[in-house]
Amino acid sequence: MATLADMTGQTFGLLTVLGRGPDRSRAAQAHWLCCCQCGQEVVVNGSSLRRGRTRSCGCGRIKHGLANKSAEYHVWEGIKQRCLNPNRRGYEYWGGRGITICERWLDFENFYADMGPRPGAGYSIDRYPDNDGNYEPGNCRWATASEQQRNTRRRRRSQGHLYEVTS
């Protein structure tokens, strides 16, 4: 009979193995008690951990303990839509101008790890210091509406048309 490798303390995605859990199948597969970064404890099949099939507690496909209804998740979805979806209204102002989202941020976990929680309800994502730059670490911040106003392209309306002011 093969000996069981102790996985206690190892991390798989958002799960950290706390110790051996109760076996839940007749196939004699080892199960492990794990703690997700969101705080939830879950018992997971060892094979699923090692093969990368289970990387979080699975609480509604939550990332970093944030439901897909969180403000940060909606901001992230909005960035992806503005930059990557040519069918989205207003795409021409972001993706159509060549503004994109960095590859690292195509994964919500990475976006959240870099940006952190939104400081409050009055904050939104701002490309700063380069308003014409991409959505990426080092060029984004959580900003208030007044901060956003100071970091916009200068545009002027004339006879119902919008013109960009060039210096």
N, C-alpha and C. Protein backbone atom coordinates (compact mmCIF):
# COMPACT_ATOMS: atom_id res chain seq x y z
N MET A 1 0.84 -1.19 0.00
CA MET A 1 0.00 0.00 0.00
C MET A 1 0.88 1.25 0.00
N ALA A 2 0.55 2.23 -0.84
CA ALA A 2 1.35 3.45 -0.96
C ALA A 2 1.16 4.32 0.27
N THR A 3 2.22 5.04 0.63
CA THR A 3 2.12 5.96 1.76
C THR A 3 1.55 7.28 1.29
N LEU A 4 0.82 7.93 2.14
CA LEU A 4 0.16 9.18 1.83
C LEU A 4 1.10 10.35 2.10
N ALA A 5 1.33 11.16 1.07
CA ALA A 5 2.16 12.36 1.24
C ALA A 5 1.35 13.41 1.99
N ASP A 6 1.95 13.96 3.04
CA ASP A 6 1.27 14.97 3.84
C ASP A 6 1.27 16.31 3.10
N MET A 7 0.10 16.85 2.82
CA MET A 7 -0.02 18.12 2.09
C MET A 7 -0.29 19.30 3.03
N THR A 8 -0.25 19.07 4.33
CA THR A 8 -0.52 20.12 5.31
C THR A 8 0.42 21.31 5.08
N GLY A 9 -0.17 22.51 5.03
CA GLY A 9 0.60 23.73 4.85
C GLY A 9 0.80 24.13 3.40
N GLN A 10 0.54 23.24 2.47
CA GLN A 10 0.70 23.58 1.06
C GLN A 10 -0.47 24.45 0.59
N THR A 11 -0.20 25.28 -0.41
CA THR A 11 -1.22 26.17 -0.95
C THR A 11 -1.50 25.79 -2.40
N PHE A 12 -2.78 25.73 -2.73
CA PHE A 12 -3.24 25.42 -4.08
C PHE A 12 -4.26 26.49 -4.47
N GLY A 13 -3.84 27.43 -5.31
CA GLY A 13 -4.73 28.54 -5.65
C GLY A 13 -4.99 29.37 -4.42
N LEU A 14 -6.25 29.47 -4.03
CA LEU A 14 -6.63 30.24 -2.84
C LEU A 14 -6.76 29.36 -1.60
N LEU A 15 -6.52 28.05 -1.76
CA LEU A 15 -6.70 27.11 -0.66
C LEU A 15 -5.39 26.76 0.01
N THR A 16 -5.38 26.77 1.34
CA THR A 16 -4.24 26.31 2.13
C THR A 16 -4.70 25.08 2.90
N VAL A 17 -3.94 24.00 2.79
CA VAL A 17 -4.29 22.74 3.43
C VAL A 17 -4.01 22.85 4.93
N LEU A 18 -5.04 22.59 5.74
CA LEU A 18 -4.91 22.63 7.19
C LEU A 18 -4.55 21.26 7.76
N GLY A 19 -4.99 20.22 7.11
CA GLY A 19 -4.73 18.86 7.59
C GLY A 19 -5.64 17.87 6.89
N ARG A 20 -5.51 16.64 7.28
CA ARG A 20 -6.31 15.56 6.69
C ARG A 20 -7.77 15.73 7.07
N GLY A 21 -8.63 15.56 6.10
CA GLY A 21 -10.06 15.66 6.34
C GLY A 21 -10.69 14.28 6.31
N PRO A 22 -11.96 14.19 6.62
CA PRO A 22 -12.63 12.89 6.59
C PRO A 22 -12.77 12.39 5.16
N ASP A 23 -12.51 11.11 4.94
CA ASP A 23 -12.66 10.54 3.60
C ASP A 23 -14.14 10.44 3.30
N ARG A 24 -14.50 10.88 2.12
CA ARG A 24 -15.92 10.95 1.75
C ARG A 24 -16.30 9.99 0.65
N SER A 25 -15.37 9.18 0.19
CA SER A 25 -15.70 8.28 -0.90
C SER A 25 -15.27 6.87 -0.56
N ARG A 26 -15.82 5.93 -1.29
CA ARG A 26 -15.45 4.53 -1.09
C ARG A 26 -14.15 4.20 -1.84
N ALA A 27 -13.69 5.10 -2.70
CA ALA A 27 -12.51 4.84 -3.51
C ALA A 27 -11.21 5.02 -2.71
N ALA A 28 -11.29 5.29 -1.45
CA ALA A 28 -10.14 5.44 -0.56
C ALA A 28 -9.21 6.57 -1.00
N GLN A 29 -9.79 7.63 -1.59
CA GLN A 29 -8.99 8.78 -1.95
C GLN A 29 -8.87 9.71 -0.74
N ALA A 30 -7.70 10.27 -0.55
CA ALA A 30 -7.47 11.16 0.59
C ALA A 30 -8.20 12.48 0.39
N HIS A 31 -8.78 12.98 1.43
CA HIS A 31 -9.44 14.28 1.44
C HIS A 31 -8.73 15.16 2.45
N TRP A 32 -8.69 16.46 2.16
CA TRP A 32 -7.97 17.39 2.99
C TRP A 32 -8.84 18.56 3.40
N LEU A 33 -8.71 18.97 4.64
CA LEU A 33 -9.41 20.15 5.14
C LEU A 33 -8.57 21.36 4.73
N CYS A 34 -9.21 22.30 4.02
CA CYS A 34 -8.50 23.47 3.50
C CYS A 34 -9.20 24.74 3.94
N CYS A 35 -8.45 25.80 4.00
CA CYS A 35 -9.01 27.12 4.30
C CYS A 35 -8.79 28.01 3.08
N CYS A 36 -9.87 28.57 2.57
CA CYS A 36 -9.81 29.46 1.42
C CYS A 36 -9.39 30.86 1.92
N GLN A 37 -8.84 31.67 1.04
CA GLN A 37 -8.45 33.03 1.43
C GLN A 37 -9.65 33.86 1.87
N CYS A 38 -10.86 33.46 1.47
CA CYS A 38 -12.05 34.21 1.89
C CYS A 38 -12.45 33.83 3.32
N GLY A 39 -11.78 32.80 3.91
CA GLY A 39 -12.06 32.40 5.28
C GLY A 39 -12.88 31.13 5.40
N GLN A 40 -13.48 30.69 4.33
CA GLN A 40 -14.32 29.50 4.32
C GLN A 40 -13.45 28.24 4.39
N GLU A 41 -13.87 27.26 5.19
CA GLU A 41 -13.18 25.97 5.23
C GLU A 41 -13.94 24.97 4.38
N VAL A 42 -13.20 24.09 3.70
CA VAL A 42 -13.80 23.14 2.79
C VAL A 42 -12.94 21.87 2.78
N VAL A 43 -13.58 20.72 2.59
CA VAL A 43 -12.88 19.45 2.46
C VAL A 43 -12.78 19.14 0.97
N VAL A 44 -11.54 18.86 0.49
CA VAL A 44 -11.29 18.69 -0.93
C VAL A 44 -10.52 17.40 -1.18
N ASN A 45 -10.85 16.74 -2.27
CA ASN A 45 -10.14 15.54 -2.71
C ASN A 45 -8.70 15.93 -3.04
N GLY A 46 -7.73 15.19 -2.52
CA GLY A 46 -6.31 15.49 -2.74
C GLY A 46 -5.93 15.53 -4.20
N SER A 47 -6.48 14.63 -4.98
CA SER A 47 -6.18 14.60 -6.41
C SER A 47 -6.65 15.88 -7.09
N SER A 48 -7.80 16.40 -6.71
CA SER A 48 -8.32 17.64 -7.28
C SER A 48 -7.42 18.82 -6.95
N LEU A 49 -6.85 18.80 -5.75
CA LEU A 49 -5.91 19.87 -5.38
C LEU A 49 -4.65 19.80 -6.23
N ARG A 50 -4.03 18.62 -6.26
CA ARG A 50 -2.77 18.45 -6.98
C ARG A 50 -2.90 18.74 -8.47
N ARG A 51 -4.02 18.40 -9.07
CA ARG A 51 -4.21 18.61 -10.51
C ARG A 51 -4.75 19.99 -10.86
N GLY A 52 -5.00 20.81 -9.85
CA GLY A 52 -5.46 22.18 -10.09
C GLY A 52 -6.93 22.29 -10.42
N ARG A 53 -7.69 21.24 -10.20
CA ARG A 53 -9.13 21.28 -10.50
C ARG A 53 -9.90 22.09 -9.46
N THR A 54 -9.41 22.09 -8.23
CA THR A 54 -10.06 22.85 -7.16
C THR A 54 -9.04 23.85 -6.63
N ARG A 55 -9.36 25.15 -6.80
CA ARG A 55 -8.41 26.20 -6.41
C ARG A 55 -9.01 27.20 -5.43
N SER A 56 -10.30 27.03 -5.11
CA SER A 56 -10.94 27.90 -4.14
C SER A 56 -12.06 27.10 -3.47
N CYS A 57 -12.74 27.72 -2.52
CA CYS A 57 -13.81 27.03 -1.81
C CYS A 57 -15.04 26.83 -2.69
N GLY A 58 -15.10 27.55 -3.80
CA GLY A 58 -16.21 27.40 -4.73
C GLY A 58 -17.46 28.15 -4.33
N CYS A 59 -17.34 29.06 -3.40
CA CYS A 59 -18.51 29.79 -2.92
C CYS A 59 -19.05 30.71 -4.01
N GLY A 60 -19.79 30.11 -4.94
CA GLY A 60 -20.42 30.87 -6.02
C GLY A 60 -19.42 31.43 -7.00
N ARG A 61 -18.31 30.72 -7.22
CA ARG A 61 -17.25 31.21 -8.11
C ARG A 61 -16.73 32.55 -7.62
N ILE A 62 -16.55 32.64 -6.33
CA ILE A 62 -16.07 33.86 -5.70
C ILE A 62 -14.56 33.93 -5.83
N LYS A 63 -14.06 35.09 -6.12
CA LYS A 63 -12.63 35.32 -6.22
C LYS A 63 -12.21 36.20 -5.05
N HIS A 64 -11.19 35.78 -4.33
CA HIS A 64 -10.65 36.51 -3.18
C HIS A 64 -11.75 36.84 -2.17
N GLY A 65 -12.74 35.99 -2.06
CA GLY A 65 -13.81 36.23 -1.11
C GLY A 65 -14.80 37.27 -1.57
N LEU A 66 -14.70 37.71 -2.81
CA LEU A 66 -15.61 38.73 -3.33
C LEU A 66 -16.57 38.09 -4.31
N ALA A 67 -17.84 38.27 -4.09
CA ALA A 67 -18.83 37.73 -5.01
C ALA A 67 -18.75 38.48 -6.32
N ASN A 68 -19.23 37.84 -7.38
CA ASN A 68 -19.20 38.50 -8.67
C ASN A 68 -20.19 39.66 -8.74
N LYS A 69 -20.77 40.01 -7.61
CA LYS A 69 -21.63 41.19 -7.54
C LYS A 69 -20.94 42.32 -6.77
N SER A 70 -19.68 42.14 -6.40
CA SER A 70 -18.97 43.18 -5.65
C SER A 70 -18.65 44.35 -6.56
N ALA A 71 -18.43 45.50 -5.95
CA ALA A 71 -18.10 46.70 -6.72
C ALA A 71 -16.81 46.50 -7.51
N GLU A 72 -15.81 45.88 -6.90
CA GLU A 72 -14.54 45.67 -7.58
C GLU A 72 -14.71 44.76 -8.80
N TYR A 73 -15.53 43.74 -8.67
CA TYR A 73 -15.77 42.82 -9.77
C TYR A 73 -16.46 43.56 -10.93
N HIS A 74 -17.43 44.41 -10.61
CA HIS A 74 -18.13 45.17 -11.66
C HIS A 74 -17.19 46.14 -12.35
N VAL A 75 -16.30 46.77 -11.60
CA VAL A 75 -15.31 47.67 -12.20
C VAL A 75 -14.44 46.89 -13.18
N TRP A 76 -13.96 45.73 -12.74
CA TRP A 76 -13.12 44.87 -13.57
C TRP A 76 -13.83 44.45 -14.84
N GLU A 77 -15.08 44.03 -14.71
CA GLU A 77 -15.88 43.65 -15.88
C GLU A 77 -16.04 44.83 -16.84
N GLY A 78 -16.26 46.02 -16.28
CA GLY A 78 -16.40 47.22 -17.11
C GLY A 78 -15.14 47.53 -17.89
N ILE A 79 -13.99 47.38 -17.26
CA ILE A 79 -12.71 47.60 -17.94
C ILE A 79 -12.59 46.65 -19.12
N LYS A 80 -12.86 45.38 -18.87
CA LYS A 80 -12.74 44.39 -19.95
C LYS A 80 -13.70 44.72 -21.10
N GLN A 81 -14.92 45.11 -20.78
CA GLN A 81 -15.89 45.44 -21.83
C GLN A 81 -15.44 46.66 -22.63
N ARG A 82 -15.00 47.72 -21.93
CA ARG A 82 -14.58 48.95 -22.63
C ARG A 82 -13.40 48.70 -23.57
N CYS A 83 -12.49 47.81 -23.15
CA CYS A 83 -11.27 47.60 -23.91
C CYS A 83 -11.36 46.48 -24.95
N LEU A 84 -12.19 45.49 -24.69
CA LEU A 84 -12.14 44.28 -25.51
C LEU A 84 -13.39 43.98 -26.32
N ASN A 85 -14.49 44.66 -26.05
CA ASN A 85 -15.75 44.34 -26.71
C ASN A 85 -16.15 45.44 -27.70
N PRO A 86 -15.86 45.24 -29.00
CA PRO A 86 -16.20 46.27 -29.99
C PRO A 86 -17.70 46.52 -30.12
N ASN A 87 -18.54 45.63 -29.60
CA ASN A 87 -19.99 45.81 -29.66
C ASN A 87 -20.52 46.66 -28.51
N ARG A 88 -19.67 46.99 -27.56
CA ARG A 88 -20.10 47.79 -26.41
C ARG A 88 -20.20 49.26 -26.81
N ARG A 89 -21.26 49.90 -26.36
CA ARG A 89 -21.43 51.33 -26.62
C ARG A 89 -20.26 52.09 -26.00
N GLY A 90 -19.63 52.95 -26.74
CA GLY A 90 -18.50 53.73 -26.24
C GLY A 90 -17.14 53.06 -26.42
N TYR A 91 -17.12 51.87 -27.02
CA TYR A 91 -15.86 51.15 -27.24
C TYR A 91 -14.83 52.03 -27.94
N GLU A 92 -15.29 52.89 -28.84
CA GLU A 92 -14.36 53.72 -29.61
C GLU A 92 -13.52 54.65 -28.73
N TYR A 93 -13.99 54.94 -27.50
CA TYR A 93 -13.25 55.81 -26.59
C TYR A 93 -12.16 55.08 -25.81
N TRP A 94 -12.22 53.77 -25.80
CA TRP A 94 -11.22 52.97 -25.07
C TRP A 94 -10.51 52.01 -26.03
N GLY A 95 -11.06 50.84 -26.22
CA GLY A 95 -10.44 49.85 -27.10
C GLY A 95 -10.24 50.36 -28.51
N GLY A 96 -11.16 51.16 -29.00
CA GLY A 96 -11.04 51.71 -30.34
C GLY A 96 -9.89 52.69 -30.48
N ARG A 97 -9.45 53.27 -29.38
CA ARG A 97 -8.29 54.17 -29.38
C ARG A 97 -7.00 53.42 -29.08
N GLY A 98 -7.10 52.10 -28.88
CA GLY A 98 -5.90 51.31 -28.59
C GLY A 98 -5.65 51.08 -27.12
N ILE A 99 -6.52 51.57 -26.25
CA ILE A 99 -6.37 51.34 -24.81
C ILE A 99 -6.81 49.91 -24.51
N THR A 100 -6.01 49.21 -23.75
CA THR A 100 -6.32 47.82 -23.45
C THR A 100 -6.08 47.52 -21.98
N ILE A 101 -6.37 46.31 -21.59
CA ILE A 101 -6.15 45.84 -20.23
C ILE A 101 -4.96 44.87 -20.31
N CYS A 102 -4.05 44.99 -19.37
CA CYS A 102 -2.86 44.13 -19.41
C CYS A 102 -3.27 42.67 -19.23
N GLU A 103 -2.44 41.79 -19.74
CA GLU A 103 -2.74 40.36 -19.69
C GLU A 103 -2.92 39.86 -18.26
N ARG A 104 -2.12 40.38 -17.34
CA ARG A 104 -2.21 39.96 -15.94
C ARG A 104 -3.61 40.22 -15.38
N TRP A 105 -4.21 41.33 -15.78
CA TRP A 105 -5.52 41.71 -15.24
C TRP A 105 -6.69 41.02 -15.93
N LEU A 106 -6.43 40.14 -16.87
CA LEU A 106 -7.54 39.38 -17.44
C LEU A 106 -8.08 38.40 -16.42
N ASP A 107 -7.35 38.19 -15.34
CA ASP A 107 -7.77 37.35 -14.22
C ASP A 107 -8.15 38.27 -13.06
N PHE A 108 -9.38 38.18 -12.58
CA PHE A 108 -9.85 39.07 -11.53
C PHE A 108 -8.98 39.01 -10.28
N GLU A 109 -8.49 37.83 -9.93
CA GLU A 109 -7.65 37.70 -8.74
C GLU A 109 -6.43 38.61 -8.83
N ASN A 110 -5.81 38.68 -9.99
CA ASN A 110 -4.63 39.53 -10.16
C ASN A 110 -5.01 41.01 -10.11
N PHE A 111 -6.13 41.37 -10.75
CA PHE A 111 -6.60 42.75 -10.69
C PHE A 111 -6.82 43.17 -9.24
N TYR A 112 -7.50 42.32 -8.48
CA TYR A 112 -7.81 42.65 -7.09
C TYR A 112 -6.54 42.69 -6.24
N ALA A 113 -5.61 41.77 -6.50
CA ALA A 113 -4.35 41.76 -5.75
C ALA A 113 -3.58 43.06 -5.97
N ASP A 114 -3.61 43.58 -7.19
CA ASP A 114 -2.87 44.80 -7.51
C ASP A 114 -3.59 46.06 -7.05
N MET A 115 -4.90 46.12 -7.21
CA MET A 115 -5.66 47.34 -6.91
C MET A 115 -6.18 47.37 -5.47
N GLY A 116 -6.44 46.21 -4.89
CA GLY A 116 -6.99 46.17 -3.54
C GLY A 116 -8.46 46.56 -3.54
N PRO A 117 -9.05 46.61 -2.35
CA PRO A 117 -10.47 46.96 -2.26
C PRO A 117 -10.70 48.43 -2.62
N ARG A 118 -11.86 48.69 -3.18
CA ARG A 118 -12.25 50.07 -3.47
C ARG A 118 -12.41 50.80 -2.14
N PRO A 119 -11.80 51.98 -1.98
CA PRO A 119 -11.83 52.68 -0.69
C PRO A 119 -13.21 53.09 -0.22
N GLY A 120 -14.15 53.24 -1.12
CA GLY A 120 -15.50 53.65 -0.73
C GLY A 120 -16.39 53.77 -1.96
N ALA A 121 -17.66 54.04 -1.70
CA ALA A 121 -18.64 54.10 -2.78
C ALA A 121 -18.36 55.22 -3.77
N GLY A 122 -17.68 56.27 -3.36
CA GLY A 122 -17.43 57.41 -4.24
C GLY A 122 -16.20 57.25 -5.11
N TYR A 123 -15.60 56.08 -5.15
CA TYR A 123 -14.36 55.87 -5.91
C TYR A 123 -14.61 55.00 -7.14
N SER A 124 -13.87 55.31 -8.20
CA SER A 124 -13.90 54.50 -9.41
C SER A 124 -12.47 54.36 -9.93
N ILE A 125 -12.31 53.52 -10.93
CA ILE A 125 -10.97 53.27 -11.48
C ILE A 125 -10.57 54.46 -12.36
N ASP A 126 -9.32 54.84 -12.28
CA ASP A 126 -8.80 55.97 -13.03
C ASP A 126 -7.45 55.58 -13.61
N ARG A 127 -7.24 55.85 -14.89
CA ARG A 127 -5.92 55.62 -15.50
C ARG A 127 -5.07 56.85 -15.20
N TYR A 128 -4.14 56.67 -14.29
CA TYR A 128 -3.31 57.78 -13.83
C TYR A 128 -1.94 57.24 -13.50
N PRO A 129 -0.88 57.85 -13.91
CA PRO A 129 -0.74 59.22 -14.39
C PRO A 129 -0.98 59.41 -15.89
N ASP A 130 -1.07 58.34 -16.68
CA ASP A 130 -1.23 58.47 -18.13
C ASP A 130 -2.66 58.13 -18.53
N ASN A 131 -3.48 59.16 -18.71
CA ASN A 131 -4.88 58.96 -19.07
C ASN A 131 -5.05 58.27 -20.43
N ASP A 132 -4.02 58.34 -21.28
CA ASP A 132 -4.07 57.66 -22.57
C ASP A 132 -3.41 56.29 -22.50
N GLY A 133 -2.94 55.89 -21.32
CA GLY A 133 -2.28 54.60 -21.14
C GLY A 133 -3.27 53.48 -20.92
N ASN A 134 -2.74 52.30 -20.75
CA ASN A 134 -3.56 51.10 -20.58
C ASN A 134 -3.98 50.90 -19.13
N TYR A 135 -4.93 50.01 -18.94
CA TYR A 135 -5.32 49.57 -17.61
C TYR A 135 -4.28 48.53 -17.19
N GLU A 136 -3.40 48.91 -16.26
CA GLU A 136 -2.32 48.04 -15.82
C GLU A 136 -1.76 48.55 -14.50
N PRO A 137 -1.08 47.69 -13.75
CA PRO A 137 -0.47 48.16 -12.50
C PRO A 137 0.47 49.33 -12.79
N GLY A 138 0.48 50.30 -11.93
CA GLY A 138 1.34 51.46 -12.12
C GLY A 138 0.67 52.57 -12.91
N ASN A 139 -0.45 52.29 -13.56
CA ASN A 139 -1.15 53.33 -14.30
C ASN A 139 -2.62 53.42 -13.90
N CYS A 140 -2.98 52.82 -12.78
CA CYS A 140 -4.37 52.87 -12.33
C CYS A 140 -4.42 53.16 -10.84
N ARG A 141 -5.49 53.80 -10.44
CA ARG A 141 -5.72 54.11 -9.03
C ARG A 141 -7.22 54.18 -8.79
N TRP A 142 -7.61 54.08 -7.53
CA TRP A 142 -8.98 54.35 -7.14
C TRP A 142 -9.05 55.86 -6.94
N ALA A 143 -9.97 56.53 -7.61
CA ALA A 143 -10.04 57.99 -7.56
C ALA A 143 -11.45 58.47 -7.31
N THR A 144 -11.53 59.64 -6.69
CA THR A 144 -12.82 60.29 -6.48
C THR A 144 -13.24 60.95 -7.79
N ALA A 145 -14.48 61.39 -7.85
CA ALA A 145 -14.97 62.05 -9.06
C ALA A 145 -14.17 63.32 -9.36
N SER A 146 -13.80 64.08 -8.33
CA SER A 146 -13.03 65.31 -8.58
C SER A 146 -11.62 64.98 -9.07
N GLU A 147 -11.01 63.91 -8.57
CA GLU A 147 -9.71 63.49 -9.08
C GLU A 147 -9.82 63.06 -10.54
N GLN A 148 -10.89 62.37 -10.86
CA GLN A 148 -11.11 61.93 -12.24
C GLN A 148 -11.27 63.14 -13.17
N GLN A 149 -11.97 64.16 -12.71
CA GLN A 149 -12.19 65.35 -13.54
C GLN A 149 -10.88 66.04 -13.90
N ARG A 150 -9.91 66.00 -12.98
CA ARG A 150 -8.61 66.63 -13.25
C ARG A 150 -7.74 65.77 -14.17
N ASN A 151 -8.18 64.54 -14.47
CA ASN A 151 -7.38 63.61 -15.27
C ASN A 151 -8.17 63.14 -16.49
N THR A 152 -8.71 64.07 -17.25
CA THR A 152 -9.48 63.69 -18.43
C THR A 152 -8.88 64.34 -19.67
N ARG A 153 -9.21 63.77 -20.83
CA ARG A 153 -8.81 64.42 -22.08
C ARG A 153 -9.60 65.71 -22.18
N ARG A 154 -8.94 66.74 -22.63
CA ARG A 154 -9.65 68.01 -22.79
C ARG A 154 -10.45 67.95 -24.08
N ARG A 155 -11.76 68.13 -23.95
CA ARG A 155 -12.65 68.09 -25.12
C ARG A 155 -13.56 69.31 -25.09
N ARG A 156 -14.03 69.70 -26.24
CA ARG A 156 -14.88 70.87 -26.34
C ARG A 156 -16.06 70.55 -27.25
N ARG A 157 -17.23 71.03 -26.89
CA ARG A 157 -18.42 70.86 -27.72
C ARG A 157 -18.57 72.08 -28.62
N SER A 158 -18.89 71.81 -29.88
CA SER A 158 -19.14 72.90 -30.81
C SER A 158 -20.26 72.43 -31.75
N GLN A 159 -21.38 73.13 -31.70
CA GLN A 159 -22.55 72.83 -32.53
C GLN A 159 -22.95 71.34 -32.39
N GLY A 160 -22.95 70.85 -31.15
CA GLY A 160 -23.42 69.50 -30.89
C GLY A 160 -22.39 68.41 -31.16
N HIS A 161 -21.20 68.77 -31.62
CA HIS A 161 -20.17 67.78 -31.89
C HIS A 161 -19.07 67.90 -30.85
N LEU A 162 -18.43 66.80 -30.55
CA LEU A 162 -17.37 66.77 -29.56
C LEU A 162 -16.04 66.79 -30.29
N TYR A 163 -15.17 67.73 -29.93
CA TYR A 163 -13.85 67.83 -30.53
C TYR A 163 -12.80 67.72 -29.44
N GLU A 164 -11.71 67.02 -29.76
CA GLU A 164 -10.61 66.90 -28.82
C GLU A 164 -9.70 68.11 -29.01
N VAL A 165 -9.31 68.74 -27.90
CA VAL A 165 -8.43 69.90 -27.97
C VAL A 165 -7.00 69.38 -27.96
N THR A 166 -6.23 69.77 -28.94
CA THR A 166 -4.82 69.38 -29.00
C THR A 166 -3.95 70.57 -28.68
N SER A 167 -2.86 70.33 -28.02
CA SER A 167 -1.96 71.44 -27.65
C SER A 167 -0.77 71.45 -28.56
